[in-house]
Protein backbone atom coordinates (compact mmCIF):
# COMPACT_ATOMS: atom_id res chain seq x y z
CA MET A 1 101.74 134.45 124.65
CA THR A 2 102.27 131.62 127.23
CA GLY A 3 104.59 128.80 127.38
CA ALA A 4 106.49 126.19 129.37
CA ARG A 5 110.02 124.92 129.35
CA GLY A 6 110.60 121.14 129.13
CA SER A 7 113.21 118.46 128.43
CA GLY A 8 112.14 115.13 127.00
CA GLY A 9 109.03 112.90 127.02
CA GLU A 10 106.49 115.60 127.57
CA THR A 11 104.09 118.06 125.79
CA LEU A 12 104.77 121.71 125.67
CA ARG A 13 101.96 124.09 125.36
CA PHE A 14 101.86 127.72 123.91
CA GLY A 15 99.29 130.34 123.08
CA PHE A 16 100.19 132.85 120.26
CA GLU A 17 98.98 136.26 121.15
CA PRO A 18 101.02 139.01 119.18
CA GLY A 19 102.23 142.11 120.86
CA PRO A 20 101.99 145.50 119.18
CA ASP A 21 105.43 145.10 117.46
CA ASP A 22 105.03 141.37 116.70
CA ASP A 23 104.35 139.87 113.26
CA GLN A 24 100.77 139.21 113.25
CA ARG A 25 101.08 135.73 111.41
CA PRO A 26 104.57 134.45 112.07
CA ARG A 27 105.89 131.17 110.72
CA LEU A 28 105.46 128.28 113.19
CA ASP A 29 109.21 127.43 113.23
CA HIS A 30 110.15 130.97 113.79
CA PHE A 31 107.69 131.36 116.62
CA LEU A 32 108.88 128.20 118.33
CA ALA A 33 112.48 129.08 117.86
CA GLY A 34 111.84 132.28 119.93
CA ARG A 35 110.61 130.40 122.74
CA ASP A 36 112.88 129.38 125.77
CA LEU A 37 113.13 125.71 124.54
CA PRO A 38 115.79 123.06 125.33
CA LEU A 39 115.72 122.35 121.45
CA THR A 40 117.80 123.31 118.47
CA ARG A 41 116.29 124.74 115.34
CA SER A 42 117.03 121.57 113.51
CA GLN A 43 115.46 119.68 116.29
CA LEU A 44 112.30 121.59 116.17
CA LYS A 45 112.21 121.31 112.39
CA ARG A 46 112.40 117.51 112.73
CA LEU A 47 109.62 117.48 115.42
CA ILE A 48 107.38 119.46 112.92
CA ASP A 49 108.43 117.22 110.14
CA ASP A 50 107.56 114.21 112.17
CA GLY A 51 104.12 115.40 113.10
CA ALA A 52 104.89 116.09 116.71
CA VAL A 53 103.46 119.70 116.66
CA SER A 54 99.73 120.71 116.43
CA VAL A 55 98.06 124.15 115.96
CA ALA A 56 94.52 124.56 117.06
CA GLY A 57 94.12 120.85 117.49
CA ARG A 58 95.49 119.78 114.03
CA VAL A 59 98.77 118.29 113.26
CA VAL A 60 100.98 120.71 111.19
CA ALA A 61 103.87 119.10 109.39
CA LYS A 62 105.13 122.38 107.61
CA PRO A 63 107.62 124.58 109.30
CA GLY A 64 106.41 127.63 107.27
CA HIS A 65 102.59 127.39 108.51
CA LYS A 66 101.41 130.68 109.29
CA LEU A 67 99.98 131.20 112.89
CA SER A 68 96.96 133.25 113.63
CA PRO A 69 96.41 135.24 116.92
CA GLY A 70 94.81 132.92 119.53
CA ASP A 71 96.18 129.71 118.08
CA PRO A 72 97.05 127.19 120.71
CA ILE A 73 100.17 125.26 119.90
CA GLU A 74 101.18 121.86 121.22
CA VAL A 75 104.83 120.45 120.88
CA ARG A 76 105.30 116.79 121.85
CA VAL A 77 108.88 116.19 122.82
CA PRO A 78 109.92 112.62 122.66
CA PRO A 79 112.07 111.03 125.46
CA LEU A 80 115.76 112.03 124.95
CA ALA A 81 117.64 109.50 122.77
CA PRO A 82 121.27 108.68 123.53
CA ALA A 83 123.79 111.30 122.35
CA GLN A 84 125.41 108.80 119.86
CA ALA A 85 125.01 105.29 118.64
CA ALA A 86 127.13 102.61 119.95
CA ALA A 87 128.64 99.74 117.95
CA GLN A 88 126.93 96.34 118.42
CA ALA A 89 128.01 93.36 116.49
CA MET A 90 125.22 91.62 114.55
CA ASP A 91 124.91 89.37 111.58
CA LEU A 92 124.46 91.29 108.48
CA ALA A 93 123.58 89.89 105.05
CA VAL A 94 125.98 92.11 103.00
CA LEU A 95 125.41 92.19 99.12
CA HIS A 96 128.14 94.60 98.27
CA GLU A 97 131.00 96.44 100.16
CA ASP A 98 133.73 98.72 99.09
CA GLU A 99 135.65 101.79 100.63
CA HIS A 100 132.65 103.98 99.78
CA ILE A 101 129.39 102.12 100.35
CA ILE A 102 127.84 98.96 101.87
CA VAL A 103 124.76 97.26 100.67
CA ILE A 104 122.81 95.09 102.82
CA ASP A 105 119.68 92.78 102.77
CA LYS A 106 117.82 94.08 105.83
CA PRO A 107 115.58 91.46 107.60
CA ALA A 108 112.10 92.45 108.73
CA GLY A 109 112.05 93.51 112.39
CA LEU A 110 115.18 95.44 112.28
CA VAL A 111 115.04 99.18 112.99
CA VAL A 112 117.22 101.39 110.90
CA HIS A 113 118.56 103.87 113.41
CA PRO A 114 118.16 104.67 117.05
CA ALA A 115 115.11 106.62 118.12
CA PRO A 116 112.76 106.84 121.15
CA GLY A 117 111.66 103.20 121.93
CA HIS A 118 114.64 101.70 119.85
CA PRO A 119 117.73 103.15 121.64
CA ASP A 120 119.97 100.26 120.32
CA SER A 121 120.17 96.92 118.38
CA THR A 122 119.47 98.89 115.19
CA LEU A 123 121.14 98.72 111.60
CA VAL A 124 123.19 101.64 112.56
CA ASN A 125 124.54 99.91 115.72
CA ALA A 126 125.39 96.87 113.45
CA LEU A 127 126.94 98.96 110.80
CA LEU A 128 129.06 100.94 113.28
CA ALA A 129 130.48 97.47 114.58
CA HIS A 130 130.87 96.06 111.12
CA CYS A 131 132.38 99.23 109.15
CA ARG A 132 133.85 101.40 111.93
CA ASP A 133 134.17 104.17 109.41
CA LEU A 134 130.57 105.24 108.45
CA SER A 135 130.16 108.82 107.11
CA GLY A 136 129.22 111.45 109.63
CA ILE A 137 126.76 113.44 107.61
CA GLY A 138 123.89 111.51 108.65
CA GLY A 139 124.49 112.64 112.33
CA GLU A 140 125.51 110.89 115.40
CA LEU A 141 122.43 108.71 115.44
CA ARG A 142 122.07 108.20 111.67
CA PRO A 143 125.72 107.84 110.39
CA GLY A 144 125.87 106.88 106.79
CA ILE A 145 122.12 106.67 106.29
CA VAL A 146 120.70 108.17 103.12
CA HIS A 147 117.42 106.37 102.99
CA ARG A 148 115.44 103.95 105.28
CA LEU A 149 113.11 101.03 105.20
CA ASP A 150 110.36 100.69 107.76
CA LYS A 151 111.19 98.35 110.64
CA ASP A 152 108.87 95.65 109.36
CA THR A 153 109.83 95.99 105.62
CA SER A 154 112.62 93.86 104.46
CA GLY A 155 115.07 94.06 101.53
CA VAL A 156 117.90 95.94 99.92
CA MET A 157 119.40 99.04 101.56
CA VAL A 158 122.49 101.05 100.88
CA ALA A 159 124.62 102.96 103.55
CA THR A 160 127.56 105.26 102.83
CA LYS A 161 131.09 105.13 104.48
CA THR A 162 132.48 108.42 103.38
CA ASP A 163 131.14 111.95 103.46
CA ALA A 164 131.65 112.38 99.68
CA ALA A 165 129.70 109.21 99.00
CA HIS A 166 126.94 110.28 101.29
CA ALA A 167 126.60 113.73 99.70
CA ALA A 168 126.57 112.19 96.21
CA LEU A 169 124.01 109.37 96.98
CA ALA A 170 121.79 111.72 98.95
CA GLU A 171 121.45 113.85 95.73
CA VAL A 172 120.64 110.80 93.74
CA PHE A 173 117.83 109.79 96.13
CA ALA A 174 116.55 113.34 96.28
CA ALA A 175 116.46 113.54 92.33
CA HIS A 176 114.97 110.04 92.14
CA ARG A 177 117.67 108.99 89.83
CA LEU A 178 117.56 105.30 90.85
CA GLU A 179 115.73 102.13 90.42
CA ARG A 180 113.55 100.83 93.20
CA GLU A 181 111.19 97.89 93.06
CA TYR A 182 109.11 96.31 95.98
CA ILE A 183 107.09 93.20 96.17
CA ALA A 184 103.85 93.40 98.12
CA LEU A 185 101.15 90.69 99.07
CA VAL A 186 97.79 92.51 99.05
CA ALA A 187 94.23 91.67 99.95
CA PRO A 188 91.91 91.91 98.25
CA ALA A 189 93.20 91.62 94.60
CA PRO A 190 93.08 94.79 92.47
CA ALA A 191 89.69 95.69 91.19
CA PRO A 192 88.12 95.16 88.79
CA PRO A 193 88.78 91.38 88.44
CA GLY A 194 91.72 90.87 86.10
CA ALA A 195 93.30 94.18 86.60
CA GLN A 196 96.93 93.65 85.75
CA GLN A 197 98.87 97.03 86.11
CA GLY A 198 98.58 100.81 86.59
CA THR A 199 100.00 104.03 88.00
CA PHE A 200 99.05 106.00 91.06
CA SER A 201 100.00 109.70 90.80
CA THR A 202 98.90 111.65 93.83
CA LEU A 203 99.97 114.22 96.27
CA HIS A 204 101.40 112.82 99.51
CA GLY A 205 101.38 114.54 102.98
CA ARG A 206 100.83 113.88 106.74
CA HIS A 207 97.48 112.71 107.87
CA PRO A 208 95.63 115.71 109.45
CA VAL A 209 94.47 113.66 112.41
CA HIS A 210 96.46 110.53 112.82
CA ARG A 211 100.10 111.97 113.09
CA LYS A 212 101.82 108.44 112.42
CA LYS A 213 100.02 108.31 109.13
CA PHE A 214 100.33 109.68 105.70
CA THR A 215 97.64 110.11 102.95
CA SER A 216 97.24 111.13 99.41
CA ARG A 217 93.85 112.92 100.37
CA VAL A 218 95.45 116.24 100.99
CA GLU A 219 95.00 119.52 99.25
CA ARG A 220 98.77 120.21 99.38
CA GLY A 221 101.68 117.91 99.53
CA LYS A 222 104.56 116.42 97.51
CA PRO A 223 103.85 114.39 94.29
CA ALA A 224 104.09 110.74 94.71
CA ILE A 225 104.05 108.26 91.74
CA THR A 226 103.95 104.47 92.03
CA HIS A 227 103.75 102.15 89.09
CA TRP A 228 102.40 98.68 89.75
CA ARG A 229 101.63 95.29 88.09
CA VAL A 230 100.25 92.06 89.28
CA GLU A 231 102.73 89.19 89.24
CA ARG A 232 100.29 86.62 90.52
CA HIS A 233 96.65 86.47 91.39
CA PHE A 234 95.34 84.38 94.28
CA GLY A 235 91.70 84.42 92.99
CA ARG A 236 89.90 87.56 94.03
CA MET A 237 91.14 87.30 97.67
CA ALA A 238 94.67 88.43 97.12
CA ALA A 239 97.54 89.11 94.78
CA GLN A 240 101.33 89.55 94.57
CA VAL A 241 101.99 93.02 93.22
CA ARG A 242 105.38 94.59 92.10
CA CYS A 243 105.60 98.23 92.66
CA ARG A 244 108.16 100.55 90.92
CA LEU A 245 108.85 103.76 92.72
CA GLU A 246 109.26 107.10 90.60
CA THR A 247 109.32 109.12 93.91
CA GLY A 248 110.18 107.91 97.39
CA ARG A 249 107.86 109.34 100.02
CA THR A 250 107.40 108.01 103.54
CA HIS A 251 104.98 105.02 103.46
CA GLN A 252 104.25 105.79 99.71
CA ILE A 253 103.39 102.20 98.57
CA ARG A 254 101.51 101.33 101.62
CA VAL A 255 99.33 104.46 101.40
CA HIS A 256 98.88 104.13 97.56
CA LEU A 257 97.95 100.47 97.83
CA SER A 258 95.64 100.99 100.78
CA GLU A 259 93.88 103.94 99.39
CA HIS A 260 93.25 102.30 96.09
CA GLY A 261 91.64 99.32 97.78
CA MET A 262 94.35 96.71 97.92
CA PRO A 263 96.20 97.13 101.18
CA VAL A 264 99.34 95.34 102.04
CA ILE A 265 98.48 92.21 104.14
CA GLY A 266 99.44 92.63 107.70
CA ASP A 267 99.96 96.37 107.58
CA PRO A 268 99.05 97.59 111.06
CA LEU A 269 98.73 101.21 110.02
CA TYR A 270 96.97 101.11 106.72
CA GLY A 271 95.42 97.68 106.61
CA HIS A 272 91.83 96.83 106.51
CA ARG A 273 89.77 94.22 108.40
CA TYR A 274 89.58 90.88 106.79
CA ARG A 275 86.17 89.20 106.31
CA ASP A 276 87.76 85.77 105.65
CA PRO A 277 88.88 84.33 109.05
CA GLU A 278 91.64 82.10 107.37
CA LEU A 279 92.97 85.31 105.75
CA ALA A 280 92.96 87.18 109.13
CA ALA A 281 94.86 84.30 110.83
CA LEU A 282 97.46 84.36 108.03
CA ALA A 283 98.04 88.08 108.46
CA HIS A 284 98.30 87.68 112.17
CA GLU A 285 100.70 84.83 111.87
CA LEU A 286 102.89 86.87 109.50
CA GLY A 287 103.24 89.67 112.21
CA ARG A 288 104.22 92.32 109.83
CA GLN A 289 103.32 94.08 106.53
CA ALA A 290 104.00 91.76 103.50
CA LEU A 291 106.36 94.32 101.85
CA HIS A 292 109.86 93.60 100.54
CA ALA A 293 112.46 95.84 98.90
CA ALA A 294 113.35 93.58 96.02
CA VAL A 295 115.59 95.90 93.70
CA LEU A 296 117.82 98.75 94.30
CA GLY A 297 119.80 100.14 91.38
CA PHE A 298 121.89 103.25 91.15
CA ALA A 299 125.18 104.72 89.84
CA HIS A 300 127.99 104.42 92.28
CA PRO A 301 128.44 107.56 94.08
CA VAL A 302 132.05 107.86 93.54
CA THR A 303 133.08 105.77 90.43
CA GLY A 304 129.78 106.18 88.52
CA ALA A 305 129.57 102.48 87.67
CA PRO A 306 126.09 101.24 87.43
CA LEU A 307 125.14 99.01 90.34
CA ARG A 308 121.92 96.96 90.65
CA PHE A 309 121.07 94.63 93.61
CA GLU A 310 118.19 92.18 94.01
CA SER A 311 116.85 90.39 97.03
CA PRO A 312 114.52 87.29 96.77
CA MET A 313 111.18 87.36 98.61
CA PRO A 314 111.89 86.22 102.02
CA ALA A 315 110.89 82.89 103.47
CA ASP A 316 107.91 84.31 105.41
CA MET A 317 106.37 86.05 102.47
CA GLN A 318 107.03 82.92 100.28
CA SER A 319 105.20 80.86 102.86
CA LEU A 320 102.44 83.36 102.97
CA ALA A 321 102.06 83.33 98.99
CA GLN A 322 101.92 79.51 98.97
CA ARG A 323 99.13 79.46 101.41
CA LEU A 324 97.31 82.31 99.76
CA ALA A 325 97.39 80.15 96.49
CA LYS A 326 95.55 77.31 98.35
CA LEU A 327 93.12 79.73 99.69
CA GLY A 328 92.44 81.29 96.27
CA LEU A 329 91.82 77.96 94.78
CA ARG A 330 89.21 77.13 97.29
CA ALA A 331 87.50 80.64 97.10
């Protein structure tokens, strides 16, 4: 076996060739843990989960993947992030706050936690300045965070301020014992014309080629279930769709809507090309995916009291809906 030691911002390459006393097909994570790498086991697992490791030219997102003799392995190590997040005062739209949790209405464009490319000016930085007592379970760069929204998805989020609240709420999210609804503006409208509602029930996993993407077209993966219904048709050109999550996989709504022929408008990762130049211009002007976390409901992690928070569709999506309505009348 061959290898190279690295720090951050580089690609490490290995070749697996078992010796006479080695396991002929070791797990990927066990093999990497035995290399002389400046990474902890948890960091290696996170890299695998994030699609930063490939075997024989294919992204492998399962730590337990079995290697075969001769397999070439690449590990893309991102640039080192700061050791801990710093408090940075920002305006936050707080929907609820008590000694255990804080619920905010996240604007589009705000990254949730520090990461390569976004070392600061994140929601975590703002929460550290606002709360000063976030739970530590999420780690130094993700204190209090039990779930996340994509940078360009707006809407309701909850963070925890105590370790007990964090552990309890993380269990709620893992068991899907909560209410989550999103509003999406999609183009084209669902087919066949007049379709009003349905359920997508698929597997969900990392895309085998495009490591930043996920897909339901996998042989193995986690179950993903999205219930959807049309709230408003804009002719056949577009529609306003409400999605209720039964599971909460990464990019789940974006993947489901795109792979079923009605991608979220403005989605840079899963969107389609627009034949209508006016629609293309509107998507470009929006500058983000038209997806908003409208409802979040759960039992309080400490008191057990039922909580439910709503956020209205933000101004940029409201404006887009109004202009889609005009285009739909002309179509």
